[in-house]
């Protein structure tokens, strides 16, 4: 697990494997969504890292792919992203907070 101080939260938050998290990105209003697969320290032992699985919001899914659902998605629904062009290793300090 990893203890972080999240902005706007009054206490230290514990991040555990399997939790969904928000990760800072280019758009402060729409941080990235991921699930923690593994937490570890880099080779020097000084920097914590996380291996994650990425998810995308409904707004990020092409309309042609949304039609394959056969239903209207919930506005806050997320979908597993299987694209291979994203690095699955992130710095733990980029984790903003856990989410449900």
C-alpha atoms as a PDB file:
ATOM      1  CA  UNK A   1       0.000   0.000   0.000  1.00  0.00           C
ATOM      2  CA  UNK A   2       0.952   3.666  -0.346  1.00  0.00           C
ATOM      3  CA  UNK A   3       0.052   6.596   1.937  1.00  0.00           C
ATOM      4  CA  UNK A   4      -0.634   9.915   0.168  1.00  0.00           C
ATOM      5  CA  UNK A   5      -1.828  13.354   1.194  1.00  0.00           C
ATOM      6  CA  UNK A   6      -4.548  14.239  -1.303  1.00  0.00           C
ATOM      7  CA  UNK A   7      -5.471  17.870  -1.880  1.00  0.00           C
ATOM      8  CA  UNK A   8      -8.917  18.599  -0.452  1.00  0.00           C
ATOM      9  CA  UNK A   9      -8.937  15.552   1.822  1.00  0.00           C
ATOM     10  CA  UNK A  10      -8.385  16.159   5.558  1.00  0.00           C
ATOM     11  CA  UNK A  11      -6.198  13.140   6.272  1.00  0.00           C
ATOM     12  CA  UNK A  12      -3.667  10.768   4.777  1.00  0.00           C
ATOM     13  CA  UNK A  13      -5.212   8.390   2.253  1.00  0.00           C
ATOM     14  CA  UNK A  14      -4.038   4.810   1.771  1.00  0.00           C
ATOM     15  CA  UNK A  15      -3.831   3.563  -1.819  1.00  0.00           C
ATOM     16  CA  UNK A  16      -4.014  -0.227  -2.191  1.00  0.00           C
ATOM     17  CA  UNK A  17      -3.646  -2.605  -5.083  1.00  0.00           C
ATOM     18  CA  UNK A  18      -6.927  -3.075  -6.929  1.00  0.00           C
ATOM     19  CA  UNK A  19      -8.227   0.417  -6.128  1.00  0.00           C
ATOM     20  CA  UNK A  20      -9.369   2.792  -8.832  1.00  0.00           C
ATOM     21  CA  UNK A  21      -7.523   6.105  -8.735  1.00  0.00           C
ATOM     22  CA  UNK A  22      -7.323   9.467 -10.465  1.00  0.00           C
ATOM     23  CA  UNK A  23      -3.977  10.416 -11.989  1.00  0.00           C
ATOM     24  CA  UNK A  24      -3.011  13.957 -12.914  1.00  0.00           C
ATOM     25  CA  UNK A  25      -2.893  14.686 -16.604  1.00  0.00           C
ATOM     26  CA  UNK A  26      -3.119  17.472 -19.141  1.00  0.00           C
ATOM     27  CA  UNK A  27      -6.678  18.502 -18.201  1.00  0.00           C
ATOM     28  CA  UNK A  28      -7.099  19.349 -14.502  1.00  0.00           C
ATOM     29  CA  UNK A  29     -10.898  18.961 -14.788  1.00  0.00           C
ATOM     30  CA  UNK A  30     -10.625  15.431 -16.207  1.00  0.00           C
ATOM     31  CA  UNK A  31      -7.735  13.505 -14.656  1.00  0.00           C
ATOM     32  CA  UNK A  32      -6.920  10.043 -15.950  1.00  0.00           C
ATOM     33  CA  UNK A  33      -8.691   7.036 -14.427  1.00  0.00           C
ATOM     34  CA  UNK A  34      -6.765   3.853 -13.646  1.00  0.00           C
ATOM     35  CA  UNK A  35      -6.724   0.817 -11.379  1.00  0.00           C
ATOM     36  CA  UNK A  36      -3.627   0.012  -9.332  1.00  0.00           C
ATOM     37  CA  UNK A  37      -2.094  -3.332 -10.301  1.00  0.00           C
ATOM     38  CA  UNK A  38       1.155  -3.073  -8.362  1.00  0.00           C
ATOM     39  CA  UNK A  39       3.085  -0.594  -6.212  1.00  0.00           C
ATOM     40  CA  UNK A  40       6.898  -0.634  -6.018  1.00  0.00           C
ATOM     41  CA  UNK A  41      10.007   1.496  -5.500  1.00  0.00           C
ATOM     42  CA  UNK A  42      12.341   2.324  -8.396  1.00  0.00           C
ATOM     43  CA  UNK A  43      15.893   0.975  -8.608  1.00  0.00           C
ATOM     44  CA  UNK A  44      17.197   3.627  -6.203  1.00  0.00           C
ATOM     45  CA  UNK A  45      14.464   2.870  -3.681  1.00  0.00           C
ATOM     46  CA  UNK A  46      13.612   6.562  -3.448  1.00  0.00           C
ATOM     47  CA  UNK A  47      10.767   6.987  -5.947  1.00  0.00           C
ATOM     48  CA  UNK A  48       7.499   5.049  -5.579  1.00  0.00           C
ATOM     49  CA  UNK A  49       5.889   3.850  -8.796  1.00  0.00           C
ATOM     50  CA  UNK A  50       2.592   2.219  -9.693  1.00  0.00           C
ATOM     51  CA  UNK A  51       1.700  -0.191 -12.484  1.00  0.00           C
ATOM     52  CA  UNK A  52      -1.852   0.605 -13.589  1.00  0.00           C
ATOM     53  CA  UNK A  53      -4.618  -0.499 -15.923  1.00  0.00           C
ATOM     54  CA  UNK A  54      -6.126   2.456 -17.770  1.00  0.00           C
ATOM     55  CA  UNK A  55      -9.808   3.293 -18.136  1.00  0.00           C
ATOM     56  CA  UNK A  56     -11.597   5.827 -20.347  1.00  0.00           C
ATOM     57  CA  UNK A  57     -14.686   7.930 -19.734  1.00  0.00           C
ATOM     58  CA  UNK A  58     -17.794   7.742 -21.917  1.00  0.00           C
ATOM     59  CA  UNK A  59     -16.835  11.086 -23.470  1.00  0.00           C
ATOM     60  CA  UNK A  60     -13.517   9.582 -24.646  1.00  0.00           C
ATOM     61  CA  UNK A  61     -15.057   6.584 -26.420  1.00  0.00           C
ATOM     62  CA  UNK A  62     -15.724   7.026 -30.167  1.00  0.00           C
ATOM     63  CA  UNK A  63     -19.485   7.051 -30.951  1.00  0.00           C
ATOM     64  CA  UNK A  64     -19.048   4.064 -33.284  1.00  0.00           C
ATOM     65  CA  UNK A  65     -17.708   1.994 -30.356  1.00  0.00           C
ATOM     66  CA  UNK A  66     -20.474   3.157 -27.993  1.00  0.00           C
ATOM     67  CA  UNK A  67     -23.054   1.724 -30.404  1.00  0.00           C
ATOM     68  CA  UNK A  68     -21.560  -1.721 -29.743  1.00  0.00           C
ATOM     69  CA  UNK A  69     -22.803  -1.501 -26.148  1.00  0.00           C
ATOM     70  CA  UNK A  70     -26.400  -1.851 -27.251  1.00  0.00           C
ATOM     71  CA  UNK A  71     -27.495   0.466 -24.437  1.00  0.00           C
ATOM     72  CA  UNK A  72     -27.053   4.006 -23.221  1.00  0.00           C
ATOM     73  CA  UNK A  73     -24.043   4.226 -20.889  1.00  0.00           C
ATOM     74  CA  UNK A  74     -24.249   6.002 -17.546  1.00  0.00           C
ATOM     75  CA  UNK A  75     -22.570   9.453 -17.751  1.00  0.00           C
ATOM     76  CA  UNK A  76     -20.038   8.457 -15.056  1.00  0.00           C
ATOM     77  CA  UNK A  77     -19.356   4.987 -16.447  1.00  0.00           C
ATOM     78  CA  UNK A  78     -15.771   4.086 -17.316  1.00  0.00           C
ATOM     79  CA  UNK A  79     -14.451   1.448 -19.702  1.00  0.00           C
ATOM     80  CA  UNK A  80     -11.293  -0.642 -19.618  1.00  0.00           C
ATOM     81  CA  UNK A  81      -8.783   0.654 -22.160  1.00  0.00           C
ATOM     82  CA  UNK A  82      -6.861  -2.083 -23.937  1.00  0.00           C
ATOM     83  CA  UNK A  83      -4.746   0.183 -26.134  1.00  0.00           C
ATOM     84  CA  UNK A  84      -1.057  -0.664 -26.140  1.00  0.00           C
ATOM     85  CA  UNK A  85       0.174   2.880 -26.712  1.00  0.00           C
ATOM     86  CA  UNK A  86      -0.056   3.932 -23.025  1.00  0.00           C
ATOM     87  CA  UNK A  87       2.708   3.412 -20.506  1.00  0.00           C
ATOM     88  CA  UNK A  88       1.328   1.371 -17.627  1.00  0.00           C
ATOM     89  CA  UNK A  89       3.954   2.623 -15.151  1.00  0.00           C
ATOM     90  CA  UNK A  90       3.378   5.985 -13.421  1.00  0.00           C
ATOM     91  CA  UNK A  91       5.070   7.946 -10.642  1.00  0.00           C
ATOM     92  CA  UNK A  92       3.132   7.505  -7.407  1.00  0.00           C
ATOM     93  CA  UNK A  93       3.278  11.265  -6.805  1.00  0.00           C
ATOM     94  CA  UNK A  94       0.980  11.746  -9.828  1.00  0.00           C
ATOM     95  CA  UNK A  95      -1.833   9.884  -8.007  1.00  0.00           C
ATOM     96  CA  UNK A  96      -4.457  12.409  -6.963  1.00  0.00           C
ATOM     97  CA  UNK A  97      -6.837  10.235  -4.920  1.00  0.00           C
ATOM     98  CA  UNK A  98      -8.833   7.001  -4.908  1.00  0.00           C
ATOM     99  CA  UNK A  99     -12.271   6.908  -6.560  1.00  0.00           C
ATOM    100  CA  UNK A 100     -15.218   4.539  -6.814  1.00  0.00           C
END
